[in-house]
Every structure is written in structure tokens, then in C-alpha cells.
């Protein structure tokens, strides 16, 4: 049959299998890799489409839209009284699968201690504020210069951050490494995205006299094995977004030489694991400081520590220089 210009004809094959089959194999060539002439070529014994619209003489050939004609904008409102719920559809109705709601970032279920706009945040611990994130002294830190990098807005993990926020996080990590190196220390950075509402990137300095980077790496791996935790080494230049999806719990460590260790959390992960490893005899040699609650000091002492750190960090603070 000859079709008018402007029609794009699709060819289909129908198979009738007389017996029940467990498996049927097809060799399918993608349409975008076929020659256009071969695509519309009609084999011998081709018949018309037996399925037509009721009362319509045309088949379901797809008519290409006229380039000069713009499709009208239409709005449809469903005013029918269709039954709701999980009942079977009435005769003549179609069953449609439920639509999936788009992914939404988690909102704090209670007052967040780390959102900068929250009244609960302890602002006297803040060292410096950037565009997307800020630097704060850790409450009950392992050492007086144990700091946190946190997003200003409410984000649960590094995986959920926008690219510009990730870039600023990387800036803070870079200048902190330089800052601690100038003081004869190497810093260990880790994140626990598990049973936490707000992203906290822990930055813990380790005196170079205590151990070398390989010792820190070995301490994390060996103590993880003791607890049946699989720490995997991932490429230095890989991003967490390439490894894991938002909303998935994980633990992540970055050493001063750029090496990275990663664990996807399934269940029962020790909340203080990163801190316990760093406080162990293998690294800092202060296991009694593994719990931050036992290391808290008074507000006046915390304020003085922040002022000291801010003054020492000022030459490296790109946020203030801007």
C-alpha cells in the first residue's frame, strides 16, 4: 500500500507459538543504527495493521508533525468520579501503575544542631564562614585543633551536595592540609553518614612524630577487620557521587596523601569508629578520649580555643580574604 508523504511507517512482526515456551530468543538491531531505507522497507507478504481505532479508517501509522505548525498547549482536568483506593478497576477502565514520587532531600526531624540558621547551633564554636559551608571547632574534640567542615544549609551527606558546595569543601580541605602541615601535623578526614541528620566532615590533625600515613591506614583497616567492617580502598580522584547513591549510609576516610577508604554501611555500625581508631594506641595514644562527651569543656574555654585557632588559621582563610 502507498502511504502519503509525511507518514513514518513502523513495521512489526507477530509470532504465534503453538506450545508454551520457557525461552524465546530474538536478534534485535537498534533502530538508530539502521539505514533509513532499510527501516521503512516492506518485506513480501506484509499485511495491514489489523488494529485500528473504532470508526477510523486510518491505521496507527505515526504522522510527522508539520514544521510550520506548533502543537497547541492544552490543559486537562480530571472531573470524573473514579473510585479511589486499591479496588479492582471497573469494566472499561484501565489499570495504571502508581507514579513514583521524585526523590526529596531529607528534612530535619527536629531542631538541627549544625544548620547555621538554627537557634540550636553553638555559634561560639564557628571559626569562619564561607559561601556554602563553614568551619567550626569540634565540641569535645580529640585535640584543641580538631575541626569540622559543615554545610551552611541542611544536607545529610557529601553525596547530596551541589557541585559548587563540593568545590568549597575541597578548598577547605586543601587549606587545612597546608595549615596542619606547616605545624608538623598530617590531618585525617572522615565522614560517617549513618544516624546523623547533618553532614559533618571531621578533620583531625595527627602529629607527624606519632606515626606515618601508612600506619594510620593500617590502623583503620585492621581495626575494621576486627569488627567485621570491610573498608575498601577507592581511587584517589574518585567522587563519592560516583560510588554511592544519596540516602545510602556509608563511612569514608581520606588520608593526607589522598588515599581513600570507604565502607557501605548495612547495619550496626559503631558510631564512634573513626574517632576510636584515631584515639587508639596505634595513632594518638589516647583511648580515654574516644567518647566526645567525656572531652567537653566549658563555654569560656571553648571560646578561647576558637579565637586561638582563628588567629592561627587567618593566613590560610580564603573566606576572609575574599
C-alpha atoms as a PDB file:
ATOM      1  CA  UNK A   1       0.000   0.000   0.000  1.00  0.00           C
ATOM      2  CA  UNK A   2       1.208   3.531  -0.794  1.00  0.00           C
ATOM      3  CA  UNK A   3       1.209   5.979   2.126  1.00  0.00           C
ATOM      4  CA  UNK A   4       1.019   9.783   1.811  1.00  0.00           C
ATOM      5  CA  UNK A   5       4.091  11.923   2.336  1.00  0.00           C
ATOM      6  CA  UNK A   6       4.753  12.849   5.942  1.00  0.00           C
ATOM      7  CA  UNK A   7       3.975   9.390   7.312  1.00  0.00           C
ATOM      8  CA  UNK A   8       6.607   7.363   9.105  1.00  0.00           C
ATOM      9  CA  UNK A   9       5.732   3.689   8.860  1.00  0.00           C
ATOM     10  CA  UNK A  10       6.673   1.218  11.596  1.00  0.00           C
ATOM     11  CA  UNK A  11       6.882  -2.496  10.801  1.00  0.00           C
ATOM     12  CA  UNK A  12       6.135  -5.116  13.432  1.00  0.00           C
ATOM     13  CA  UNK A  13       6.329  -8.895  13.482  1.00  0.00           C
ATOM     14  CA  UNK A  14       3.746 -11.076  15.221  1.00  0.00           C
ATOM     15  CA  UNK A  15       4.677 -14.545  16.443  1.00  0.00           C
ATOM     16  CA  UNK A  16       2.272 -17.353  17.220  1.00  0.00           C
ATOM     17  CA  UNK A  17       3.801 -20.103  19.334  1.00  0.00           C
ATOM     18  CA  UNK A  18       1.707 -23.245  19.475  1.00  0.00           C
ATOM     19  CA  UNK A  19       3.270 -24.632  22.655  1.00  0.00           C
ATOM     20  CA  UNK A  20       4.315 -22.960  25.903  1.00  0.00           C
ATOM     21  CA  UNK A  21       7.926 -21.896  25.737  1.00  0.00           C
ATOM     22  CA  UNK A  22      10.350 -21.228  28.582  1.00  0.00           C
ATOM     23  CA  UNK A  23      12.618 -19.029  26.487  1.00  0.00           C
ATOM     24  CA  UNK A  24      12.375 -17.371  23.108  1.00  0.00           C
ATOM     25  CA  UNK A  25      15.418 -15.620  21.589  1.00  0.00           C
ATOM     26  CA  UNK A  26      15.315 -12.506  19.413  1.00  0.00           C
ATOM     27  CA  UNK A  27      18.102 -10.806  17.494  1.00  0.00           C
ATOM     28  CA  UNK A  28      17.178  -7.115  17.635  1.00  0.00           C
ATOM     29  CA  UNK A  29      19.036  -4.349  15.842  1.00  0.00           C
ATOM     30  CA  UNK A  30      18.503  -0.855  17.364  1.00  0.00           C
ATOM     31  CA  UNK A  31      16.558   1.477  15.079  1.00  0.00           C
ATOM     32  CA  UNK A  32      19.069   4.300  15.446  1.00  0.00           C
ATOM     33  CA  UNK A  33      21.773   2.104  13.913  1.00  0.00           C
ATOM     34  CA  UNK A  34      19.676   1.016  10.900  1.00  0.00           C
ATOM     35  CA  UNK A  35      19.745   2.546   7.439  1.00  0.00           C
ATOM     36  CA  UNK A  36      16.577   4.694   6.947  1.00  0.00           C
ATOM     37  CA  UNK A  37      15.834   2.949   3.661  1.00  0.00           C
ATOM     38  CA  UNK A  38      16.026  -0.460   5.311  1.00  0.00           C
ATOM     39  CA  UNK A  39      13.934   0.790   8.217  1.00  0.00           C
ATOM     40  CA  UNK A  40      10.864   1.507   6.076  1.00  0.00           C
ATOM     41  CA  UNK A  41      11.397  -1.296   3.557  1.00  0.00           C
ATOM     42  CA  UNK A  42       8.397  -3.628   3.463  1.00  0.00           C
ATOM     43  CA  UNK A  43       9.112  -7.351   3.202  1.00  0.00           C
ATOM     44  CA  UNK A  44       6.991  -9.576   0.984  1.00  0.00           C
ATOM     45  CA  UNK A  45       3.587 -10.740   2.281  1.00  0.00           C
ATOM     46  CA  UNK A  46       3.317  -7.714   4.584  1.00  0.00           C
ATOM     47  CA  UNK A  47      -0.290  -7.078   5.664  1.00  0.00           C
ATOM     48  CA  UNK A  48      -2.098  -4.039   7.014  1.00  0.00           C
ATOM     49  CA  UNK A  49      -2.209  -3.336  10.733  1.00  0.00           C
ATOM     50  CA  UNK A  50      -5.268  -5.272  11.968  1.00  0.00           C
ATOM     51  CA  UNK A  51      -5.707  -2.948  14.963  1.00  0.00           C
ATOM     52  CA  UNK A  52      -7.478   0.249  14.043  1.00  0.00           C
ATOM     53  CA  UNK A  53      -9.264   2.921  16.008  1.00  0.00           C
ATOM     54  CA  UNK A  54     -13.020   2.244  16.179  1.00  0.00           C
ATOM     55  CA  UNK A  55     -14.716   4.021  13.311  1.00  0.00           C
ATOM     56  CA  UNK A  56     -11.438   5.270  11.881  1.00  0.00           C
ATOM     57  CA  UNK A  57     -10.151   4.184   8.536  1.00  0.00           C
ATOM     58  CA  UNK A  58      -6.545   5.077   9.298  1.00  0.00           C
ATOM     59  CA  UNK A  59      -4.091   2.716  10.870  1.00  0.00           C
ATOM     60  CA  UNK A  60      -1.774   3.610  13.723  1.00  0.00           C
ATOM     61  CA  UNK A  61       0.969   4.969  11.464  1.00  0.00           C
ATOM     62  CA  UNK A  62       2.680   7.912  13.143  1.00  0.00           C
ATOM     63  CA  UNK A  63       2.207  11.165  11.267  1.00  0.00           C
ATOM     64  CA  UNK A  64       5.167  13.519  11.457  1.00  0.00           C
ATOM     65  CA  UNK A  65       4.168  17.000  12.694  1.00  0.00           C
ATOM     66  CA  UNK A  66       4.200  19.896  10.254  1.00  0.00           C
ATOM     67  CA  UNK A  67       7.314  22.015  10.877  1.00  0.00           C
ATOM     68  CA  UNK A  68       5.267  25.223  10.429  1.00  0.00           C
ATOM     69  CA  UNK A  69       2.547  24.176  12.837  1.00  0.00           C
ATOM     70  CA  UNK A  70       3.193  24.483  16.568  1.00  0.00           C
ATOM     71  CA  UNK A  71       1.447  21.973  18.816  1.00  0.00           C
ATOM     72  CA  UNK A  72      -1.297  23.652  20.850  1.00  0.00           C
ATOM     73  CA  UNK A  73      -0.904  23.960  24.595  1.00  0.00           C
ATOM     74  CA  UNK A  74      -3.724  22.089  26.335  1.00  0.00           C
ATOM     75  CA  UNK A  75      -4.601  21.550  29.949  1.00  0.00           C
ATOM     76  CA  UNK A  76      -6.741  18.657  31.112  1.00  0.00           C
ATOM     77  CA  UNK A  77      -8.596  18.341  34.378  1.00  0.00           C
ATOM     78  CA  UNK A  78      -9.978  15.038  35.577  1.00  0.00           C
ATOM     79  CA  UNK A  79     -13.557  15.729  36.713  1.00  0.00           C
ATOM     80  CA  UNK A  80     -14.702  12.124  36.670  1.00  0.00           C
ATOM     81  CA  UNK A  81     -15.841  10.368  39.812  1.00  0.00           C
ATOM     82  CA  UNK A  82     -13.486   7.446  39.558  1.00  0.00           C
ATOM     83  CA  UNK A  83     -13.263   5.205  42.601  1.00  0.00           C
ATOM     84  CA  UNK A  84     -10.122   5.666  44.681  1.00  0.00           C
ATOM     85  CA  UNK A  85      -8.122   3.155  46.649  1.00  0.00           C
ATOM     86  CA  UNK A  86      -6.841  -0.280  45.719  1.00  0.00           C
ATOM     87  CA  UNK A  87     -10.136  -1.692  44.400  1.00  0.00           C
ATOM     88  CA  UNK A  88     -10.273  -3.522  41.102  1.00  0.00           C
ATOM     89  CA  UNK A  89     -10.935  -1.237  38.120  1.00  0.00           C
ATOM     90  CA  UNK A  90     -14.475  -1.184  36.764  1.00  0.00           C
ATOM     91  CA  UNK A  91     -15.234  -2.657  33.392  1.00  0.00           C
ATOM     92  CA  UNK A  92     -13.831  -0.464  30.648  1.00  0.00           C
ATOM     93  CA  UNK A  93     -11.296   1.221  32.924  1.00  0.00           C
ATOM     94  CA  UNK A  94      -7.567   0.812  32.559  1.00  0.00           C
ATOM     95  CA  UNK A  95      -5.239  -0.046  35.380  1.00  0.00           C
ATOM     96  CA  UNK A  96      -2.255   2.300  35.583  1.00  0.00           C
ATOM     97  CA  UNK A  97       0.821   1.704  37.730  1.00  0.00           C
ATOM     98  CA  UNK A  98       1.246   4.192  40.597  1.00  0.00           C
ATOM     99  CA  UNK A  99       3.520   7.113  39.842  1.00  0.00           C
ATOM    100  CA  UNK A 100       6.750   7.276  41.792  1.00  0.00           C
ATOM    101  CA  UNK A 101       7.281  10.478  43.716  1.00  0.00           C
ATOM    102  CA  UNK A 102      10.546  12.309  42.932  1.00  0.00           C
ATOM    103  CA  UNK A 103      13.471  11.987  45.325  1.00  0.00           C
ATOM    104  CA  UNK A 104      13.431  14.632  48.049  1.00  0.00           C
ATOM    105  CA  UNK A 105      16.281  15.671  50.254  1.00  0.00           C
ATOM    106  CA  UNK A 106      15.686  14.729  53.888  1.00  0.00           C
ATOM    107  CA  UNK A 107      14.480  17.478  56.169  1.00  0.00           C
ATOM    108  CA  UNK A 108      15.489  17.682  59.819  1.00  0.00           C
ATOM    109  CA  UNK A 109      13.015  15.832  62.008  1.00  0.00           C
ATOM    110  CA  UNK A 110      13.955  18.076  64.945  1.00  0.00           C
ATOM    111  CA  UNK A 111      15.987  21.187  65.666  1.00  0.00           C
ATOM    112  CA  UNK A 112      19.349  20.744  63.924  1.00  0.00           C
ATOM    113  CA  UNK A 113      22.484  21.485  65.946  1.00  0.00           C
ATOM    114  CA  UNK A 114      24.539  22.229  62.826  1.00  0.00           C
ATOM    115  CA  UNK A 115      22.320  24.298  60.491  1.00  0.00           C
ATOM    116  CA  UNK A 116      23.875  27.746  60.765  1.00  0.00           C
ATOM    117  CA  UNK A 117      20.476  29.462  60.796  1.00  0.00           C
ATOM    118  CA  UNK A 118      19.174  27.191  63.555  1.00  0.00           C
ATOM    119  CA  UNK A 119      18.811  28.694  67.049  1.00  0.00           C
ATOM    120  CA  UNK A 120      20.314  25.452  68.397  1.00  0.00           C
ATOM    121  CA  UNK A 121      23.718  25.907  66.743  1.00  0.00           C
ATOM    122  CA  UNK A 122      26.555  26.856  69.108  1.00  0.00           C
ATOM    123  CA  UNK A 123      27.841  29.867  67.213  1.00  0.00           C
ATOM    124  CA  UNK A 124      30.739  30.449  69.590  1.00  0.00           C
ATOM    125  CA  UNK A 125      32.385  27.341  68.037  1.00  0.00           C
ATOM    126  CA  UNK A 126      32.320  28.806  64.494  1.00  0.00           C
ATOM    127  CA  UNK A 127      35.784  29.688  63.164  1.00  0.00           C
ATOM    128  CA  UNK A 128      34.997  31.083  59.707  1.00  0.00           C
ATOM    129  CA  UNK A 129      32.080  31.146  57.263  1.00  0.00           C
ATOM    130  CA  UNK A 130      32.303  30.668  53.502  1.00  0.00           C
ATOM    131  CA  UNK A 131      29.631  30.851  50.811  1.00  0.00           C
ATOM    132  CA  UNK A 132      28.291  27.297  51.072  1.00  0.00           C
ATOM    133  CA  UNK A 133      29.962  25.872  54.164  1.00  0.00           C
ATOM    134  CA  UNK A 134      31.643  26.891  57.389  1.00  0.00           C
ATOM    135  CA  UNK A 135      34.446  25.773  59.683  1.00  0.00           C
ATOM    136  CA  UNK A 136      33.844  25.082  63.373  1.00  0.00           C
ATOM    137  CA  UNK A 137      35.797  23.692  66.275  1.00  0.00           C
ATOM    138  CA  UNK A 138      34.599  20.220  67.289  1.00  0.00           C
ATOM    139  CA  UNK A 139      32.776  20.069  70.600  1.00  0.00           C
ATOM    140  CA  UNK A 140      34.707  17.676  72.828  1.00  0.00           C
ATOM    141  CA  UNK A 141      37.388  17.316  70.167  1.00  0.00           C
ATOM    142  CA  UNK A 142      40.191  14.785  70.221  1.00  0.00           C
ATOM    143  CA  UNK A 143      42.617  17.715  70.309  1.00  0.00           C
ATOM    144  CA  UNK A 144      42.285  21.514  70.629  1.00  0.00           C
ATOM    145  CA  UNK A 145      42.570  21.844  66.831  1.00  0.00           C
ATOM    146  CA  UNK A 146      40.058  19.127  65.883  1.00  0.00           C
ATOM    147  CA  UNK A 147      37.701  20.929  63.457  1.00  0.00           C
ATOM    148  CA  UNK A 148      34.584  20.262  61.383  1.00  0.00           C
ATOM    149  CA  UNK A 149      33.662  21.359  57.860  1.00  0.00           C
ATOM    150  CA  UNK A 150      29.873  21.700  57.617  1.00  0.00           C
ATOM    151  CA  UNK A 151      27.361  22.930  55.010  1.00  0.00           C
ATOM    152  CA  UNK A 152      25.501  26.115  55.903  1.00  0.00           C
ATOM    153  CA  UNK A 153      22.211  24.625  54.671  1.00  0.00           C
ATOM    154  CA  UNK A 154      20.755  21.298  55.741  1.00  0.00           C
ATOM    155  CA  UNK A 155      22.419  18.443  53.846  1.00  0.00           C
ATOM    156  CA  UNK A 156      22.889  14.963  55.225  1.00  0.00           C
ATOM    157  CA  UNK A 157      25.982  13.831  53.326  1.00  0.00           C
ATOM    158  CA  UNK A 158      28.640  14.799  50.788  1.00  0.00           C
ATOM    159  CA  UNK A 159      26.726  12.864  48.133  1.00  0.00           C
ATOM    160  CA  UNK A 160      23.795  15.299  48.337  1.00  0.00           C
ATOM    161  CA  UNK A 161      25.820  18.495  47.986  1.00  0.00           C
ATOM    162  CA  UNK A 162      25.636  20.653  44.873  1.00  0.00           C
ATOM    163  CA  UNK A 163      28.810  20.924  42.797  1.00  0.00           C
ATOM    164  CA  UNK A 164      29.623  24.460  43.982  1.00  0.00           C
ATOM    165  CA  UNK A 165      29.344  23.371  47.626  1.00  0.00           C
ATOM    166  CA  UNK A 166      31.577  20.347  46.975  1.00  0.00           C
ATOM    167  CA  UNK A 167      34.139  22.680  45.401  1.00  0.00           C
ATOM    168  CA  UNK A 168      34.211  24.859  48.520  1.00  0.00           C
ATOM    169  CA  UNK A 169      34.516  21.786  50.756  1.00  0.00           C
ATOM    170  CA  UNK A 170      37.560  20.779  48.713  1.00  0.00           C
ATOM    171  CA  UNK A 171      39.019  24.262  49.193  1.00  0.00           C
ATOM    172  CA  UNK A 172      38.694  23.979  52.960  1.00  0.00           C
ATOM    173  CA  UNK A 173      40.229  20.501  52.929  1.00  0.00           C
ATOM    174  CA  UNK A 174      43.162  21.745  50.873  1.00  0.00           C
ATOM    175  CA  UNK A 175      43.956  24.771  53.060  1.00  0.00           C
ATOM    176  CA  UNK A 176      43.555  22.746  56.266  1.00  0.00           C
ATOM    177  CA  UNK A 177      46.092  20.210  54.988  1.00  0.00           C
ATOM    178  CA  UNK A 178      48.534  23.053  54.297  1.00  0.00           C
ATOM    179  CA  UNK A 179      47.796  24.655  57.665  1.00  0.00           C
ATOM    180  CA  UNK A 180      48.434  21.485  59.655  1.00  0.00           C
ATOM    181  CA  UNK A 181      51.467  20.542  57.570  1.00  0.00           C
ATOM    182  CA  UNK A 182      53.023  23.890  58.499  1.00  0.00           C
ATOM    183  CA  UNK A 183      52.537  22.880  62.140  1.00  0.00           C
ATOM    184  CA  UNK A 184      54.200  19.492  61.653  1.00  0.00           C
ATOM    185  CA  UNK A 185      50.921  17.563  61.539  1.00  0.00           C
ATOM    186  CA  UNK A 186      49.095  15.445  58.990  1.00  0.00           C
ATOM    187  CA  UNK A 187      45.301  15.537  59.004  1.00  0.00           C
ATOM    188  CA  UNK A 188      42.844  12.671  58.706  1.00  0.00           C
ATOM    189  CA  UNK A 189      39.418  13.496  57.281  1.00  0.00           C
ATOM    190  CA  UNK A 190      36.414  11.243  57.734  1.00  0.00           C
ATOM    191  CA  UNK A 191      32.629  11.264  57.401  1.00  0.00           C
ATOM    192  CA  UNK A 192      30.001   8.970  58.909  1.00  0.00           C
ATOM    193  CA  UNK A 193      26.698   9.182  57.060  1.00  0.00           C
ATOM    194  CA  UNK A 194      24.793   6.967  59.474  1.00  0.00           C
ATOM    195  CA  UNK A 195      22.314   8.003  62.178  1.00  0.00           C
ATOM    196  CA  UNK A 196      23.197  11.639  61.589  1.00  0.00           C
ATOM    197  CA  UNK A 197      20.995  14.417  60.223  1.00  0.00           C
ATOM    198  CA  UNK A 198      23.590  16.977  59.159  1.00  0.00           C
ATOM    199  CA  UNK A 199      26.825  16.457  57.235  1.00  0.00           C
ATOM    200  CA  UNK A 200      29.903  16.704  59.453  1.00  0.00           C
ATOM    201  CA  UNK A 201      33.302  16.315  57.838  1.00  0.00           C
ATOM    202  CA  UNK A 202      35.688  15.590  60.704  1.00  0.00           C
ATOM    203  CA  UNK A 203      39.244  16.918  60.318  1.00  0.00           C
ATOM    204  CA  UNK A 204      41.622  15.512  62.948  1.00  0.00           C
ATOM    205  CA  UNK A 205      45.322  16.529  62.980  1.00  0.00           C
ATOM    206  CA  UNK A 206      47.884  13.869  63.873  1.00  0.00           C
ATOM    207  CA  UNK A 207      51.448  14.918  64.813  1.00  0.00           C
ATOM    208  CA  UNK A 208      53.941  13.590  62.284  1.00  0.00           C
ATOM    209  CA  UNK A 209      56.054  12.320  65.189  1.00  0.00           C
ATOM    210  CA  UNK A 210      53.275   9.895  66.187  1.00  0.00           C
ATOM    211  CA  UNK A 211      53.181   7.814  63.011  1.00  0.00           C
ATOM    212  CA  UNK A 212      53.384   7.824  59.242  1.00  0.00           C
ATOM    213  CA  UNK A 213      50.428   7.796  56.848  1.00  0.00           C
ATOM    214  CA  UNK A 214      50.770   4.055  56.200  1.00  0.00           C
ATOM    215  CA  UNK A 215      50.401   3.403  59.947  1.00  0.00           C
ATOM    216  CA  UNK A 216      47.120   5.336  60.008  1.00  0.00           C
ATOM    217  CA  UNK A 217      45.827   3.410  57.001  1.00  0.00           C
ATOM    218  CA  UNK A 218      46.810   0.084  58.557  1.00  0.00           C
ATOM    219  CA  UNK A 219      45.159   1.025  61.867  1.00  0.00           C
ATOM    220  CA  UNK A 220      41.844   1.757  60.143  1.00  0.00           C
ATOM    221  CA  UNK A 221      41.922  -1.453  58.092  1.00  0.00           C
ATOM    222  CA  UNK A 222      42.981  -3.759  60.932  1.00  0.00           C
ATOM    223  CA  UNK A 223      40.527  -2.335  63.470  1.00  0.00           C
ATOM    224  CA  UNK A 224      37.775  -2.507  60.842  1.00  0.00           C
ATOM    225  CA  UNK A 225      38.528  -6.199  60.254  1.00  0.00           C
ATOM    226  CA  UNK A 226      38.314  -6.853  63.994  1.00  0.00           C
ATOM    227  CA  UNK A 227      34.750  -5.521  63.877  1.00  0.00           C
ATOM    228  CA  UNK A 228      33.902  -7.299  60.598  1.00  0.00           C
ATOM    229  CA  UNK A 229      33.806  -3.998  58.713  1.00  0.00           C
ATOM    230  CA  UNK A 230      35.013  -4.102  55.120  1.00  0.00           C
ATOM    231  CA  UNK A 231      36.999  -0.962  54.322  1.00  0.00           C
ATOM    232  CA  UNK A 232      37.680  -0.743  50.601  1.00  0.00           C
ATOM    233  CA  UNK A 233      40.314   1.463  49.013  1.00  0.00           C
ATOM    234  CA  UNK A 234      38.864   3.658  46.278  1.00  0.00           C
ATOM    235  CA  UNK A 235      40.713   5.726  43.625  1.00  0.00           C
ATOM    236  CA  UNK A 236      42.189   8.992  44.878  1.00  0.00           C
ATOM    237  CA  UNK A 237      40.408  11.171  42.350  1.00  0.00           C
ATOM    238  CA  UNK A 238      37.023   9.445  42.587  1.00  0.00           C
ATOM    239  CA  UNK A 239      33.982  11.315  43.913  1.00  0.00           C
ATOM    240  CA  UNK A 240      31.562   9.734  46.356  1.00  0.00           C
ATOM    241  CA  UNK A 241      28.715  10.521  43.943  1.00  0.00           C
ATOM    242  CA  UNK A 242      30.303   8.063  41.514  1.00  0.00           C
ATOM    243  CA  UNK A 243      30.238   5.296  44.108  1.00  0.00           C
ATOM    244  CA  UNK A 244      27.019   5.586  46.067  1.00  0.00           C
ATOM    245  CA  UNK A 245      23.503   6.993  45.772  1.00  0.00           C
ATOM    246  CA  UNK A 246      22.030   9.704  48.031  1.00  0.00           C
ATOM    247  CA  UNK A 247      20.380   8.295  51.138  1.00  0.00           C
ATOM    248  CA  UNK A 248      22.730   5.301  51.409  1.00  0.00           C
ATOM    249  CA  UNK A 249      24.650   5.072  54.716  1.00  0.00           C
ATOM    250  CA  UNK A 250      28.446   4.970  54.448  1.00  0.00           C
ATOM    251  CA  UNK A 251      31.735   5.647  56.237  1.00  0.00           C
ATOM    252  CA  UNK A 252      34.592   7.368  54.442  1.00  0.00           C
ATOM    253  CA  UNK A 253      38.214   8.200  55.354  1.00  0.00           C
ATOM    254  CA  UNK A 254      40.691  10.390  53.469  1.00  0.00           C
ATOM    255  CA  UNK A 255      44.372  10.364  54.417  1.00  0.00           C
ATOM    256  CA  UNK A 256      46.829  13.235  53.990  1.00  0.00           C
ATOM    257  CA  UNK A 257      48.371  11.640  50.873  1.00  0.00           C
ATOM    258  CA  UNK A 258      44.968  11.498  49.149  1.00  0.00           C
ATOM    259  CA  UNK A 259      44.303   7.779  49.712  1.00  0.00           C
ATOM    260  CA  UNK A 260      40.661   6.997  50.449  1.00  0.00           C
ATOM    261  CA  UNK A 261      38.934   4.187  52.340  1.00  0.00           C
ATOM    262  CA  UNK A 262      35.210   3.512  52.025  1.00  0.00           C
ATOM    263  CA  UNK A 263      32.618   1.284  53.684  1.00  0.00           C
ATOM    264  CA  UNK A 264      28.973   0.953  52.713  1.00  0.00           C
ATOM    265  CA  UNK A 265      27.060   0.588  55.977  1.00  0.00           C
ATOM    266  CA  UNK A 266      24.402  -2.102  56.168  1.00  0.00           C
ATOM    267  CA  UNK A 267      23.653  -2.277  59.890  1.00  0.00           C
ATOM    268  CA  UNK A 268      25.096  -1.937  63.396  1.00  0.00           C
ATOM    269  CA  UNK A 269      27.969   0.367  62.546  1.00  0.00           C
ATOM    270  CA  UNK A 270      29.824   1.727  65.630  1.00  0.00           C
ATOM    271  CA  UNK A 271      29.051   5.442  65.798  1.00  0.00           C
ATOM    272  CA  UNK A 272      32.454   6.420  67.225  1.00  0.00           C
ATOM    273  CA  UNK A 273      34.511   4.135  64.958  1.00  0.00           C
ATOM    274  CA  UNK A 274      36.565   6.850  63.246  1.00  0.00           C
ATOM    275  CA  UNK A 275      37.304   8.597  66.500  1.00  0.00           C
ATOM    276  CA  UNK A 276      38.131   5.346  68.305  1.00  0.00           C
ATOM    277  CA  UNK A 277      40.696   4.393  65.650  1.00  0.00           C
ATOM    278  CA  UNK A 278      42.402   7.787  65.822  1.00  0.00           C
ATOM    279  CA  UNK A 279      42.397   7.784  69.636  1.00  0.00           C
ATOM    280  CA  UNK A 280      43.841   4.265  69.814  1.00  0.00           C
ATOM    281  CA  UNK A 281      47.389   3.450  70.894  1.00  0.00           C
ATOM    282  CA  UNK A 282      48.301   2.864  67.237  1.00  0.00           C
ATOM    283  CA  UNK A 283      47.835   6.562  66.378  1.00  0.00           C
ATOM    284  CA  UNK A 284      47.255   9.268  69.036  1.00  0.00           C
ATOM    285  CA  UNK A 285      47.582   7.009  72.065  1.00  0.00           C
ATOM    286  CA  UNK A 286      44.653   8.491  73.977  1.00  0.00           C
ATOM    287  CA  UNK A 287      41.900   5.826  74.029  1.00  0.00           C
ATOM    288  CA  UNK A 288      40.264   7.552  77.001  1.00  0.00           C
ATOM    289  CA  UNK A 289      39.204  10.375  74.623  1.00  0.00           C
ATOM    290  CA  UNK A 290      37.295   8.093  72.251  1.00  0.00           C
ATOM    291  CA  UNK A 291      33.953   9.427  73.528  1.00  0.00           C
ATOM    292  CA  UNK A 292      33.461  13.137  72.804  1.00  0.00           C
ATOM    293  CA  UNK A 293      31.085  13.549  75.732  1.00  0.00           C
ATOM    294  CA  UNK A 294      33.902  12.868  78.186  1.00  0.00           C
ATOM    295  CA  UNK A 295      36.071  15.522  76.494  1.00  0.00           C
ATOM    296  CA  UNK A 296      33.728  18.519  76.752  1.00  0.00           C
ATOM    297  CA  UNK A 297      34.989  21.744  78.298  1.00  0.00           C
ATOM    298  CA  UNK A 298      33.283  24.924  79.466  1.00  0.00           C
ATOM    299  CA  UNK A 299      31.959  27.595  77.114  1.00  0.00           C
ATOM    300  CA  UNK A 300      34.661  30.101  78.072  1.00  0.00           C
ATOM    301  CA  UNK A 301      37.392  27.574  77.332  1.00  0.00           C
ATOM    302  CA  UNK A 302      35.766  26.683  74.002  1.00  0.00           C
ATOM    303  CA  UNK A 303      35.518  30.369  73.034  1.00  0.00           C
ATOM    304  CA  UNK A 304      39.194  30.924  73.830  1.00  0.00           C
ATOM    305  CA  UNK A 305      40.184  27.850  71.779  1.00  0.00           C
ATOM    306  CA  UNK A 306      38.185  29.148  68.790  1.00  0.00           C
ATOM    307  CA  UNK A 307      39.879  32.550  68.995  1.00  0.00           C
ATOM    308  CA  UNK A 308      43.318  30.928  69.108  1.00  0.00           C
ATOM    309  CA  UNK A 309      42.555  28.702  66.125  1.00  0.00           C
ATOM    310  CA  UNK A 310      41.014  31.557  64.125  1.00  0.00           C
ATOM    311  CA  UNK A 311      44.068  33.727  64.650  1.00  0.00           C
ATOM    312  CA  UNK A 312      46.480  30.954  63.639  1.00  0.00           C
ATOM    313  CA  UNK A 313      44.355  29.959  60.628  1.00  0.00           C
ATOM    314  CA  UNK A 314      43.868  33.515  59.335  1.00  0.00           C
ATOM    315  CA  UNK A 315      46.701  33.411  56.721  1.00  0.00           C
ATOM    316  CA  UNK A 316      45.058  30.322  55.169  1.00  0.00           C
ATOM    317  CA  UNK A 317      41.441  31.524  55.405  1.00  0.00           C
ATOM    318  CA  UNK A 318      40.329  32.178  51.806  1.00  0.00           C
ATOM    319  CA  UNK A 319      36.827  33.132  53.002  1.00  0.00           C
ATOM    320  CA  UNK A 320      38.159  36.178  54.862  1.00  0.00           C
ATOM    321  CA  UNK A 321      40.492  37.209  52.049  1.00  0.00           C
ATOM    322  CA  UNK A 322      37.537  37.332  49.639  1.00  0.00           C
END
